[in-house]
Amino acid sequence: MVVLQAVGHNPTGVDPTREQWTEIAQVCKTKQFIVVLDCAYHGFATGDLEEDAWVMRYFADQDINLFLAQSFSKNLGLYSERVGALAVISKDTQINNAIQTNMELNIQKIWSTCAGQGGRIVNLIVNDEVLFAKWKSQMLTMTERIKTMRQQLVDSLRNLDTPGNWDHIETQIGMYSYSGLTAKQVEYMRSKHIFMPSSGRICLSGLSTKNMQYVAKCIDEAVRKYPENDIRYLLGEAVVVGEVIVVVIVVVVVVVVVVVVVVVVVVVVVVVVVGGGGEEKATVIIIAVVVVVVVVVVVVVVVVVVVLVVVVVAAVVIVEK
C-alpha cells in the first residue's frame, strides 16, 4: 500500500507534474500497489476544482485498486465538523464486496453514527447551482490571495536583500511552503512570536498585508544571525571558497613540479660532473633520490596544510558573516 497526496502537498508545496503522475501511476500499476489518495486541499492548489481533480480521475481510470480520501474541512471551512468522504475504486467486484463488508463492520465499532450537520452543509452547497458557483468563486479568491502572499513574501525578501535564493516559495503551490529555514532560524522566528514547525514549513494562509513586512524582516534577521547551517546562504560563498582552494592547489602543484624538476636536473649534473667510479655514481644517485623523495613529501605536507588552513579560514569568514 502507498499513500499519496493528490494536490497541494503538505508540507512541501511541491506537486508532481502530470507527466510525473503518469509515471507514478504506472509504477503503482506494475507493482500492483493499493493506492490511497489523500485529498485534503481540493481546489486550494490551483483554485480550479476540475484542474485539481485531474490526478484523482486519472488514477480512477487506471487498473489500480484505489482508496480516495477527500476532506471538506479546508475548502469549505468545516474544521470543527471534520466532514469528508472515502471512495473505494476497484474493477474487481469481489474486492469491492469484501471492502464494503469490512468498512461497515469497522464503522459500527468506531463511531456508529457520525454527526450529520457538516455533511448536510456540503450536500446543500454542492447540489445548489447558485451556492456551488459562489463556493467555487470564493475558493478561487482564497487561492489567488495565497498566491499573492507567496509573491509578496518573495518580493519583500528580495527588497531586503536577504541572503539566499527564495524562488522556491514562489514556485511551490497550495497553502504551505518549505521555507528552507533551519531549526535554529525557526527558533529565532518563534522568539519573535512567529510560529512554525522546526522543519521551516510556513502556512501561507497565515500571512496578510498587515504582517507581511514584519515576517519578512524576521526571516531576514534569522538568516543573517544564524547562517552557518543554511545551505542556500552558503552556496554563493562556497563557490568562492572552492575557487580559492583550486587556485591554491594549482599553484602548489606547479611549485612541486618545478622543485622536483630542478632537483632531478641538479642530481644529473652532479653525477656527470663528479664522475668517478660506478660506486661513487651510485652513491650520488641514491643520495639524490632520497633528496627528491624528501622534497616531494615536504611539499605534499605543505599542500595539505595550506588547503586545510584555507578551508578553516573560509569557514570562519562565512560563519562571521
C-alpha atoms as a PDB file:
ATOM      1  CA  MET A   1       0.000   0.000   0.000  1.00  0.00           C
ATOM      2  CA  VAL A   2       1.213   3.508  -0.822  1.00  0.00           C
ATOM      3  CA  VAL A   3      -0.247   6.811   0.413  1.00  0.00           C
ATOM      4  CA  LEU A   4      -0.027   9.804  -1.939  1.00  0.00           C
ATOM      5  CA  GLN A   5      -1.255  13.365  -1.550  1.00  0.00           C
ATOM      6  CA  ALA A   6      -3.335  14.343  -4.555  1.00  0.00           C
ATOM      7  CA  VAL A   7      -2.902  18.133  -4.634  1.00  0.00           C
ATOM      8  CA  GLY A   8      -1.465  20.967  -2.552  1.00  0.00           C
ATOM      9  CA  HIS A   9       1.167  18.778  -0.939  1.00  0.00           C
ATOM     10  CA  ASN A  10       1.579  19.380   2.779  1.00  0.00           C
ATOM     11  CA  PRO A  11       4.199  20.273   3.949  1.00  0.00           C
ATOM     12  CA  THR A  12       6.368  20.846   0.854  1.00  0.00           C
ATOM     13  CA  GLY A  13       4.029  22.720  -1.502  1.00  0.00           C
ATOM     14  CA  VAL A  14       5.580  20.693  -4.344  1.00  0.00           C
ATOM     15  CA  ASP A  15       3.136  18.763  -6.541  1.00  0.00           C
ATOM     16  CA  PRO A  16       4.237  16.340  -9.282  1.00  0.00           C
ATOM     17  CA  THR A  17       3.537  17.352 -12.874  1.00  0.00           C
ATOM     18  CA  ARG A  18       1.030  15.402 -14.947  1.00  0.00           C
ATOM     19  CA  GLU A  19       3.891  13.594 -16.654  1.00  0.00           C
ATOM     20  CA  GLN A  20       5.311  12.622 -13.273  1.00  0.00           C
ATOM     21  CA  TRP A  21       1.896  11.489 -12.044  1.00  0.00           C
ATOM     22  CA  THR A  22       1.620   9.298 -15.136  1.00  0.00           C
ATOM     23  CA  GLU A  23       4.930   7.645 -14.257  1.00  0.00           C
ATOM     24  CA  ILE A  24       3.898   7.236 -10.605  1.00  0.00           C
ATOM     25  CA  ALA A  25       0.626   5.605 -11.654  1.00  0.00           C
ATOM     26  CA  GLN A  26       2.483   3.224 -13.964  1.00  0.00           C
ATOM     27  CA  VAL A  27       4.776   2.141 -11.122  1.00  0.00           C
ATOM     28  CA  CYS A  28       1.774   1.583  -8.831  1.00  0.00           C
ATOM     29  CA  LYS A  29       0.073  -0.425 -11.551  1.00  0.00           C
ATOM     30  CA  THR A  30       3.152  -2.528 -12.320  1.00  0.00           C
ATOM     31  CA  LYS A  31       3.844  -3.209  -8.636  1.00  0.00           C
ATOM     32  CA  GLN A  32       0.122  -3.853  -8.005  1.00  0.00           C
ATOM     33  CA  PHE A  33       0.076  -1.372  -5.141  1.00  0.00           C
ATOM     34  CA  ILE A  34      -3.085  -0.486  -3.279  1.00  0.00           C
ATOM     35  CA  VAL A  35      -3.112   3.295  -3.571  1.00  0.00           C
ATOM     36  CA  VAL A  36      -4.556   5.712  -1.021  1.00  0.00           C
ATOM     37  CA  LEU A  37      -5.003   9.191  -2.497  1.00  0.00           C
ATOM     38  CA  ASP A  38      -5.281  11.769   0.272  1.00  0.00           C
ATOM     39  CA  CYS A  39      -7.098  14.843  -0.999  1.00  0.00           C
ATOM     40  CA  ALA A  40      -7.298  17.374   1.812  1.00  0.00           C
ATOM     41  CA  TYR A  41      -6.919  20.533  -0.304  1.00  0.00           C
ATOM     42  CA  HIS A  42      -9.136  20.020  -3.332  1.00  0.00           C
ATOM     43  CA  GLY A  43      -9.459  23.409  -5.021  1.00  0.00           C
ATOM     44  CA  PHE A  44      -6.769  25.072  -2.905  1.00  0.00           C
ATOM     45  CA  ALA A  45      -3.901  24.117  -5.201  1.00  0.00           C
ATOM     46  CA  THR A  46      -4.917  25.902  -8.412  1.00  0.00           C
ATOM     47  CA  GLY A  47      -8.262  27.396  -7.419  1.00  0.00           C
ATOM     48  CA  ASP A  48      -9.960  25.183 -10.020  1.00  0.00           C
ATOM     49  CA  LEU A  49     -11.869  22.105  -8.834  1.00  0.00           C
ATOM     50  CA  GLU A  50     -11.610  20.463 -12.253  1.00  0.00           C
ATOM     51  CA  GLU A  51      -7.860  21.013 -12.536  1.00  0.00           C
ATOM     52  CA  ASP A  52      -7.218  19.750  -9.019  1.00  0.00           C
ATOM     53  CA  ALA A  53      -9.368  16.658  -9.687  1.00  0.00           C
ATOM     54  CA  TRP A  54      -7.230  15.500 -12.625  1.00  0.00           C
ATOM     55  CA  VAL A  55      -4.944  13.266 -10.523  1.00  0.00           C
ATOM     56  CA  MET A  56      -7.846  11.522  -8.815  1.00  0.00           C
ATOM     57  CA  ARG A  57      -9.707  10.937 -12.079  1.00  0.00           C
ATOM     58  CA  TYR A  58      -6.573   9.712 -13.820  1.00  0.00           C
ATOM     59  CA  PHE A  59      -5.843   7.133 -11.117  1.00  0.00           C
ATOM     60  CA  ALA A  60      -9.510   6.091 -11.094  1.00  0.00           C
ATOM     61  CA  ASP A  61      -9.294   5.337 -14.834  1.00  0.00           C
ATOM     62  CA  GLN A  62      -6.271   3.055 -14.357  1.00  0.00           C
ATOM     63  CA  ASP A  63      -6.425  -0.587 -13.384  1.00  0.00           C
ATOM     64  CA  ILE A  64      -5.413   0.248  -9.815  1.00  0.00           C
ATOM     65  CA  ASN A  65      -7.151  -0.632  -6.558  1.00  0.00           C
ATOM     66  CA  LEU A  66      -7.747   2.804  -5.118  1.00  0.00           C
ATOM     67  CA  PHE A  67      -8.900   4.448  -1.904  1.00  0.00           C
ATOM     68  CA  LEU A  68      -9.752   8.127  -2.350  1.00  0.00           C
ATOM     69  CA  ALA A  69      -9.971  10.056   0.924  1.00  0.00           C
ATOM     70  CA  GLN A  70     -11.428  13.524   0.465  1.00  0.00           C
ATOM     71  CA  SER A  71     -11.843  16.236   3.084  1.00  0.00           C
ATOM     72  CA  PHE A  72     -14.094  19.298   3.099  1.00  0.00           C
ATOM     73  CA  SER A  73     -12.551  20.711   6.275  1.00  0.00           C
ATOM     74  CA  LYS A  74     -10.318  23.197   4.419  1.00  0.00           C
ATOM     75  CA  ASN A  75     -12.091  24.031   1.186  1.00  0.00           C
ATOM     76  CA  LEU A  76     -15.459  24.533   2.897  1.00  0.00           C
ATOM     77  CA  GLY A  77     -14.155  25.834   6.209  1.00  0.00           C
ATOM     78  CA  LEU A  78     -15.722  22.990   8.182  1.00  0.00           C
ATOM     79  CA  TYR A  79     -12.830  22.267  10.526  1.00  0.00           C
ATOM     80  CA  SER A  80     -14.986  21.580  13.572  1.00  0.00           C
ATOM     81  CA  GLU A  81     -17.196  19.174  11.621  1.00  0.00           C
ATOM     82  CA  ARG A  82     -14.359  17.153  10.000  1.00  0.00           C
ATOM     83  CA  VAL A  83     -16.500  16.302   7.002  1.00  0.00           C
ATOM     84  CA  GLY A  84     -15.106  14.045   4.319  1.00  0.00           C
ATOM     85  CA  ALA A  85     -15.714  11.080   2.090  1.00  0.00           C
ATOM     86  CA  LEU A  86     -13.934   7.819   1.309  1.00  0.00           C
ATOM     87  CA  ALA A  87     -14.378   6.379  -2.175  1.00  0.00           C
ATOM     88  CA  VAL A  88     -13.232   2.841  -2.925  1.00  0.00           C
ATOM     89  CA  ILE A  89     -12.474   2.155  -6.578  1.00  0.00           C
ATOM     90  CA  SER A  90     -11.709  -1.308  -7.929  1.00  0.00           C
ATOM     91  CA  LYS A  91     -12.685  -3.223 -11.048  1.00  0.00           C
ATOM     92  CA  ASP A  92     -12.829  -6.424  -9.013  1.00  0.00           C
ATOM     93  CA  THR A  93     -16.375  -6.968  -7.706  1.00  0.00           C
ATOM     94  CA  GLN A  94     -15.202  -9.489  -5.129  1.00  0.00           C
ATOM     95  CA  ILE A  95     -12.738  -6.967  -3.676  1.00  0.00           C
ATOM     96  CA  ASN A  96     -15.420  -4.244  -3.598  1.00  0.00           C
ATOM     97  CA  ASN A  97     -17.858  -6.502  -1.733  1.00  0.00           C
ATOM     98  CA  ALA A  98     -15.197  -7.557   0.803  1.00  0.00           C
ATOM     99  CA  ILE A  99     -14.151  -3.945   1.433  1.00  0.00           C
ATOM    100  CA  GLN A 100     -17.741  -2.782   1.885  1.00  0.00           C
ATOM    101  CA  THR A 101     -18.442  -5.547   4.406  1.00  0.00           C
ATOM    102  CA  ASN A 102     -15.314  -4.736   6.423  1.00  0.00           C
ATOM    103  CA  MET A 103     -15.938  -0.988   6.297  1.00  0.00           C
ATOM    104  CA  GLU A 104     -19.491  -1.402   7.591  1.00  0.00           C
ATOM    105  CA  LEU A 105     -18.235  -3.527  10.493  1.00  0.00           C
ATOM    106  CA  ASN A 106     -15.456  -1.080  11.409  1.00  0.00           C
ATOM    107  CA  ILE A 107     -17.709   1.972  11.104  1.00  0.00           C
ATOM    108  CA  GLN A 108     -20.139   0.329  13.536  1.00  0.00           C
ATOM    109  CA  LYS A 109     -17.299  -0.310  16.013  1.00  0.00           C
ATOM    110  CA  ILE A 110     -15.575   3.077  15.743  1.00  0.00           C
ATOM    111  CA  TRP A 111     -18.272   5.725  15.531  1.00  0.00           C
ATOM    112  CA  SER A 112     -21.519   4.001  14.557  1.00  0.00           C
ATOM    113  CA  THR A 113     -23.428   7.166  13.640  1.00  0.00           C
ATOM    114  CA  CYS A 114     -21.493  10.325  12.860  1.00  0.00           C
ATOM    115  CA  ALA A 115     -22.812  13.889  13.215  1.00  0.00           C
ATOM    116  CA  GLY A 116     -24.817  14.938  10.181  1.00  0.00           C
ATOM    117  CA  GLN A 117     -24.706  18.745  10.271  1.00  0.00           C
ATOM    118  CA  GLY A 118     -21.471  19.154   8.308  1.00  0.00           C
ATOM    119  CA  GLY A 119     -22.484  16.600   5.730  1.00  0.00           C
ATOM    120  CA  ARG A 120     -25.808  18.386   5.181  1.00  0.00           C
ATOM    121  CA  ILE A 121     -23.974  21.681   4.641  1.00  0.00           C
ATOM    122  CA  VAL A 122     -21.752  20.081   1.981  1.00  0.00           C
ATOM    123  CA  ASN A 123     -24.736  18.383   0.357  1.00  0.00           C
ATOM    124  CA  LEU A 124     -26.636  21.674   0.241  1.00  0.00           C
ATOM    125  CA  ILE A 125     -23.763  23.622  -1.353  1.00  0.00           C
ATOM    126  CA  VAL A 126     -22.659  21.108  -3.986  1.00  0.00           C
ATOM    127  CA  ASN A 127     -26.228  20.384  -5.115  1.00  0.00           C
ATOM    128  CA  ASP A 128     -27.360  24.007  -5.461  1.00  0.00           C
ATOM    129  CA  GLU A 129     -26.137  25.687  -8.661  1.00  0.00           C
ATOM    130  CA  VAL A 130     -26.060  29.178  -7.155  1.00  0.00           C
ATOM    131  CA  LEU A 131     -24.319  28.153  -3.941  1.00  0.00           C
ATOM    132  CA  PHE A 132     -21.926  25.862  -5.813  1.00  0.00           C
ATOM    133  CA  ALA A 133     -20.882  28.661  -8.171  1.00  0.00           C
ATOM    134  CA  LYS A 134     -20.449  31.036  -5.232  1.00  0.00           C
ATOM    135  CA  TRP A 135     -18.316  28.469  -3.393  1.00  0.00           C
ATOM    136  CA  LYS A 136     -16.043  27.988  -6.403  1.00  0.00           C
ATOM    137  CA  SER A 137     -15.680  31.752  -6.789  1.00  0.00           C
ATOM    138  CA  GLN A 138     -14.796  32.215  -3.122  1.00  0.00           C
ATOM    139  CA  MET A 139     -12.317  29.355  -3.258  1.00  0.00           C
ATOM    140  CA  LEU A 140     -10.637  30.927  -6.292  1.00  0.00           C
ATOM    141  CA  THR A 141     -10.441  34.206  -4.369  1.00  0.00           C
ATOM    142  CA  MET A 142      -8.749  32.470  -1.436  1.00  0.00           C
ATOM    143  CA  THR A 143      -6.316  30.635  -3.715  1.00  0.00           C
ATOM    144  CA  GLU A 144      -5.361  33.841  -5.504  1.00  0.00           C
ATOM    145  CA  ARG A 145      -4.841  35.519  -2.135  1.00  0.00           C
ATOM    146  CA  ILE A 146      -2.425  32.770  -1.091  1.00  0.00           C
ATOM    147  CA  LYS A 147      -0.566  33.119  -4.409  1.00  0.00           C
ATOM    148  CA  THR A 148      -0.354  36.862  -3.812  1.00  0.00           C
ATOM    149  CA  MET A 149       1.052  36.273  -0.329  1.00  0.00           C
ATOM    150  CA  ARG A 150       3.720  33.997  -1.820  1.00  0.00           C
ATOM    151  CA  GLN A 151       4.731  36.654  -4.306  1.00  0.00           C
ATOM    152  CA  GLN A 152       4.727  39.448  -1.745  1.00  0.00           C
ATOM    153  CA  LEU A 153       6.845  37.426   0.686  1.00  0.00           C
ATOM    154  CA  VAL A 154       9.438  36.700  -2.003  1.00  0.00           C
ATOM    155  CA  ASP A 155       9.400  40.338  -3.156  1.00  0.00           C
ATOM    156  CA  SER A 156       9.858  41.535   0.431  1.00  0.00           C
ATOM    157  CA  LEU A 157      12.837  39.216   0.980  1.00  0.00           C
ATOM    158  CA  ARG A 158      14.402  40.376  -2.278  1.00  0.00           C
ATOM    159  CA  ASN A 159      13.890  44.014  -1.307  1.00  0.00           C
ATOM    160  CA  LEU A 160      15.680  43.313   1.981  1.00  0.00           C
ATOM    161  CA  ASP A 161      18.459  41.609   0.013  1.00  0.00           C
ATOM    162  CA  THR A 162      18.014  38.591   2.277  1.00  0.00           C
ATOM    163  CA  PRO A 163      20.847  36.095   1.708  1.00  0.00           C
ATOM    164  CA  GLY A 164      19.849  33.040  -0.317  1.00  0.00           C
ATOM    165  CA  ASN A 165      17.565  32.181  -3.212  1.00  0.00           C
ATOM    166  CA  TRP A 166      13.842  32.340  -2.375  1.00  0.00           C
ATOM    167  CA  ASP A 167      12.406  31.379  -5.771  1.00  0.00           C
ATOM    168  CA  HIS A 168      11.155  28.060  -4.382  1.00  0.00           C
ATOM    169  CA  ILE A 169       8.483  29.832  -2.304  1.00  0.00           C
ATOM    170  CA  GLU A 170       7.171  31.411  -5.485  1.00  0.00           C
ATOM    171  CA  THR A 171       7.074  28.178  -7.483  1.00  0.00           C
ATOM    172  CA  GLN A 172       5.527  25.964  -4.798  1.00  0.00           C
ATOM    173  CA  ILE A 173       1.761  25.518  -4.702  1.00  0.00           C
ATOM    174  CA  GLY A 174      -1.083  25.355  -2.198  1.00  0.00           C
ATOM    175  CA  MET A 175      -1.343  26.546   1.389  1.00  0.00           C
ATOM    176  CA  TYR A 176       2.137  25.503   2.526  1.00  0.00           C
ATOM    177  CA  SER A 177       5.761  26.125   1.731  1.00  0.00           C
ATOM    178  CA  TYR A 178       9.063  24.644   2.818  1.00  0.00           C
ATOM    179  CA  SER A 179      10.858  27.909   3.541  1.00  0.00           C
ATOM    180  CA  GLY A 180      14.321  26.354   3.856  1.00  0.00           C
ATOM    181  CA  LEU A 181      14.798  27.876   7.318  1.00  0.00           C
ATOM    182  CA  THR A 182      16.861  25.751   9.695  1.00  0.00           C
ATOM    183  CA  ALA A 183      15.752  24.686  13.172  1.00  0.00           C
ATOM    184  CA  LYS A 184      17.942  27.399  14.713  1.00  0.00           C
ATOM    185  CA  GLN A 185      16.435  30.044  12.460  1.00  0.00           C
ATOM    186  CA  VAL A 186      12.926  28.788  13.279  1.00  0.00           C
ATOM    187  CA  GLU A 187      13.777  29.121  16.970  1.00  0.00           C
ATOM    188  CA  TYR A 188      14.657  32.752  16.334  1.00  0.00           C
ATOM    189  CA  MET A 189      11.362  33.253  14.478  1.00  0.00           C
ATOM    190  CA  ARG A 190       9.466  31.865  17.460  1.00  0.00           C
ATOM    191  CA  SER A 191      11.238  34.334  19.724  1.00  0.00           C
ATOM    192  CA  LYS A 192       9.630  36.992  17.520  1.00  0.00           C
ATOM    193  CA  HIS A 193       6.196  35.350  18.003  1.00  0.00           C
ATOM    194  CA  ILE A 194       6.114  33.814  14.519  1.00  0.00           C
ATOM    195  CA  PHE A 195       5.382  30.139  14.966  1.00  0.00           C
ATOM    196  CA  MET A 196       6.123  27.265  12.599  1.00  0.00           C
ATOM    197  CA  PRO A 197       7.440  23.669  12.831  1.00  0.00           C
ATOM    198  CA  SER A 198      11.178  23.110  13.186  1.00  0.00           C
ATOM    199  CA  SER A 199      11.178  21.900   9.562  1.00  0.00           C
ATOM    200  CA  GLY A 200      10.641  25.513   8.466  1.00  0.00           C
ATOM    201  CA  ARG A 201       7.243  24.858   6.931  1.00  0.00           C
ATOM    202  CA  ILE A 202       5.162  28.015   6.517  1.00  0.00           C
ATOM    203  CA  CYS A 203       1.377  28.168   6.262  1.00  0.00           C
ATOM    204  CA  LEU A 204       0.885  30.906   3.681  1.00  0.00           C
ATOM    205  CA  SER A 205      -2.744  31.457   4.666  1.00  0.00           C
ATOM    206  CA  GLY A 206      -1.433  32.960   7.928  1.00  0.00           C
ATOM    207  CA  LEU A 207       0.208  35.825   6.028  1.00  0.00           C
ATOM    208  CA  SER A 208      -1.518  39.111   5.277  1.00  0.00           C
ATOM    209  CA  THR A 209      -0.636  42.580   4.045  1.00  0.00           C
ATOM    210  CA  LYS A 210      -0.576  43.696   7.691  1.00  0.00           C
ATOM    211  CA  ASN A 211       2.042  41.227   8.930  1.00  0.00           C
ATOM    212  CA  MET A 212       3.986  40.612   5.699  1.00  0.00           C
ATOM    213  CA  GLN A 213       6.782  43.128   6.265  1.00  0.00           C
ATOM    214  CA  TYR A 214       7.291  42.008   9.851  1.00  0.00           C
ATOM    215  CA  VAL A 215       7.525  38.330   8.843  1.00  0.00           C
ATOM    216  CA  ALA A 216       9.959  39.115   6.011  1.00  0.00           C
ATOM    217  CA  LYS A 217      12.071  41.271   8.331  1.00  0.00           C
ATOM    218  CA  CYS A 218      12.262  38.462  10.911  1.00  0.00           C
ATOM    219  CA  ILE A 219      13.229  35.903   8.244  1.00  0.00           C
ATOM    220  CA  ASP A 220      15.951  38.264   7.069  1.00  0.00           C
ATOM    221  CA  GLU A 221      17.238  38.680  10.631  1.00  0.00           C
ATOM    222  CA  ALA A 222      17.123  34.924  11.285  1.00  0.00           C
ATOM    223  CA  VAL A 223      19.090  34.067   8.148  1.00  0.00           C
ATOM    224  CA  ARG A 224      21.726  36.715   8.851  1.00  0.00           C
ATOM    225  CA  LYS A 225      22.005  35.814  12.528  1.00  0.00           C
ATOM    226  CA  TYR A 226      22.268  32.031  12.045  1.00  0.00           C
ATOM    227  CA  PRO A 227      23.672  31.358   8.563  1.00  0.00           C
ATOM    228  CA  GLU A 228      26.103  28.555   9.386  1.00  0.00           C
ATOM    229  CA  ASN A 229      23.753  25.700   8.519  1.00  0.00           C
ATOM    230  CA  ASP A 230      21.878  27.473   5.748  1.00  0.00           C
ATOM    231  CA  ILE A 231      22.921  25.712   2.552  1.00  0.00           C
ATOM    232  CA  ARG A 232      21.185  28.281   0.344  1.00  0.00           C
ATOM    233  CA  TYR A 233      23.119  31.110   2.012  1.00  0.00           C
ATOM    234  CA  LEU A 234      26.435  29.303   1.909  1.00  0.00           C
ATOM    235  CA  LEU A 235      26.109  28.281  -1.723  1.00  0.00           C
ATOM    236  CA  GLY A 236      27.422  31.538  -3.126  1.00  0.00           C
ATOM    237  CA  GLU A 237      30.234  31.656  -0.555  1.00  0.00           C
ATOM    238  CA  ALA A 238      31.115  28.029  -1.175  1.00  0.00           C
ATOM    239  CA  VAL A 239      31.675  28.727  -4.856  1.00  0.00           C
ATOM    240  CA  VAL A 240      34.160  31.470  -3.989  1.00  0.00           C
ATOM    241  CA  VAL A 241      35.909  29.289  -1.400  1.00  0.00           C
ATOM    242  CA  GLY A 242      36.096  26.448  -3.904  1.00  0.00           C
ATOM    243  CA  GLU A 243      37.680  28.684  -6.495  1.00  0.00           C
ATOM    244  CA  VAL A 244      40.279  29.875  -3.973  1.00  0.00           C
ATOM    245  CA  ILE A 245      41.137  26.316  -2.964  1.00  0.00           C
ATOM    246  CA  VAL A 246      41.512  25.264  -6.592  1.00  0.00           C
ATOM    247  CA  VAL A 247      43.862  28.175  -7.295  1.00  0.00           C
ATOM    248  CA  VAL A 248      45.947  27.351  -4.217  1.00  0.00           C
ATOM    249  CA  ILE A 249      46.207  23.680  -5.172  1.00  0.00           C
ATOM    250  CA  VAL A 250      47.195  24.516  -8.755  1.00  0.00           C
ATOM    251  CA  VAL A 251      49.908  26.937  -7.587  1.00  0.00           C
ATOM    252  CA  VAL A 252      51.310  24.437  -5.085  1.00  0.00           C
ATOM    253  CA  VAL A 253      51.290  21.609  -7.627  1.00  0.00           C
ATOM    254  CA  VAL A 254      53.164  23.798 -10.100  1.00  0.00           C
ATOM    255  CA  VAL A 255      55.720  24.610  -7.412  1.00  0.00           C
ATOM    256  CA  VAL A 256      56.118  20.904  -6.605  1.00  0.00           C
ATOM    257  CA  VAL A 257      56.707  20.039 -10.250  1.00  0.00           C
ATOM    258  CA  VAL A 258      59.241  22.830 -10.632  1.00  0.00           C
ATOM    259  CA  VAL A 259      61.090  21.807  -7.478  1.00  0.00           C
ATOM    260  CA  VAL A 260      61.217  18.139  -8.472  1.00  0.00           C
ATOM    261  CA  VAL A 261      62.438  19.012 -11.965  1.00  0.00           C
ATOM    262  CA  VAL A 262      65.141  21.289 -10.546  1.00  0.00           C
ATOM    263  CA  VAL A 263      66.289  18.631  -8.083  1.00  0.00           C
ATOM    264  CA  VAL A 264      66.450  15.957 -10.786  1.00  0.00           C
ATOM    265  CA  VAL A 265      68.432  18.283 -13.054  1.00  0.00           C
ATOM    266  CA  VAL A 266      70.838  19.067 -10.216  1.00  0.00           C
ATOM    267  CA  VAL A 267      71.309  15.384  -9.490  1.00  0.00           C
ATOM    268  CA  VAL A 268      72.056  14.608 -13.112  1.00  0.00           C
ATOM    269  CA  VAL A 269      74.545  17.499 -13.321  1.00  0.00           C
ATOM    270  CA  VAL A 270      76.243  16.424 -10.124  1.00  0.00           C
ATOM    271  CA  VAL A 271      76.600  12.845 -11.326  1.00  0.00           C
ATOM    272  CA  VAL A 272      78.033  13.947 -14.644  1.00  0.00           C
ATOM    273  CA  VAL A 273      80.429  16.496 -13.106  1.00  0.00           C
ATOM    274  CA  VAL A 274      81.603  14.350 -10.233  1.00  0.00           C
ATOM    275  CA  GLY A 275      82.230  11.397 -12.449  1.00  0.00           C
ATOM    276  CA  GLY A 276      84.261   8.785 -10.600  1.00  0.00           C
ATOM    277  CA  GLY A 277      83.703   5.101 -10.353  1.00  0.00           C
ATOM    278  CA  GLY A 278      80.474   3.231 -10.543  1.00  0.00           C
ATOM    279  CA  GLU A 279      80.118   3.009  -6.756  1.00  0.00           C
ATOM    280  CA  GLU A 280      80.552   6.749  -6.348  1.00  0.00           C
ATOM    281  CA  LYS A 281      77.973   7.473  -9.004  1.00  0.00           C
ATOM    282  CA  ALA A 282      75.568   5.002  -7.396  1.00  0.00           C
ATOM    283  CA  THR A 283      76.040   6.678  -4.041  1.00  0.00           C
ATOM    284  CA  VAL A 284      75.388  10.102  -5.511  1.00  0.00           C
ATOM    285  CA  ILE A 285      72.294   8.865  -7.313  1.00  0.00           C
ATOM    286  CA  ILE A 286      70.948   7.251  -4.106  1.00  0.00           C
ATOM    287  CA  ILE A 287      71.507  10.489  -2.209  1.00  0.00           C
ATOM    288  CA  ALA A 288      69.775  12.418  -4.991  1.00  0.00           C
ATOM    289  CA  VAL A 289      66.788  10.072  -4.959  1.00  0.00           C
ATOM    290  CA  VAL A 290      66.492  10.417  -1.190  1.00  0.00           C
ATOM    291  CA  VAL A 291      66.602  14.187  -1.519  1.00  0.00           C
ATOM    292  CA  VAL A 292      63.900  14.100  -4.213  1.00  0.00           C
ATOM    293  CA  VAL A 293      61.658  11.882  -2.045  1.00  0.00           C
ATOM    294  CA  VAL A 294      62.133  14.132   0.972  1.00  0.00           C
ATOM    295  CA  VAL A 295      61.380  17.235  -1.078  1.00  0.00           C
ATOM    296  CA  VAL A 296      58.245  15.691  -2.557  1.00  0.00           C
ATOM    297  CA  VAL A 297      56.996  14.566   0.887  1.00  0.00           C
ATOM    298  CA  VAL A 298      57.636  18.001   2.360  1.00  0.00           C
ATOM    299  CA  VAL A 299      55.840  19.734  -0.495  1.00  0.00           C
ATOM    300  CA  VAL A 300      52.847  17.370  -0.222  1.00  0.00           C
ATOM    301  CA  VAL A 301      52.603  18.059   3.505  1.00  0.00           C
ATOM    302  CA  VAL A 302      52.772  21.776   2.810  1.00  0.00           C
ATOM    303  CA  VAL A 303      49.978  21.432   0.207  1.00  0.00           C
ATOM    304  CA  VAL A 304      47.727  19.611   2.686  1.00  0.00           C
ATOM    305  CA  VAL A 305      48.413  22.142   5.437  1.00  0.00           C
ATOM    306  CA  VAL A 306      47.784  25.104   3.143  1.00  0.00           C
ATOM    307  CA  VAL A 307      44.489  23.628   1.868  1.00  0.00           C
ATOM    308  CA  LEU A 308      43.300  22.941   5.422  1.00  0.00           C
ATOM    309  CA  VAL A 309      44.200  26.452   6.507  1.00  0.00           C
ATOM    310  CA  VAL A 310      42.321  27.937   3.557  1.00  0.00           C
ATOM    311  CA  VAL A 311      39.234  25.831   4.302  1.00  0.00           C
ATOM    312  CA  VAL A 312      39.251  26.735   8.008  1.00  0.00           C
ATOM    313  CA  VAL A 313      39.750  30.448   7.321  1.00  0.00           C
ATOM    314  CA  ALA A 314      36.991  30.421   4.707  1.00  0.00           C
ATOM    315  CA  ALA A 315      34.631  28.645   7.102  1.00  0.00           C
ATOM    316  CA  VAL A 316      35.349  31.197   9.831  1.00  0.00           C
ATOM    317  CA  VAL A 317      34.720  34.061   7.425  1.00  0.00           C
ATOM    318  CA  ILE A 318      31.402  32.563   6.317  1.00  0.00           C
ATOM    319  CA  VAL A 319      30.221  31.980   9.883  1.00  0.00           C
ATOM    320  CA  GLU A 320      31.196  35.520  10.921  1.00  0.00           C
ATOM    321  CA  LYS A 321      29.146  36.917   8.027  1.00  0.00           C
END
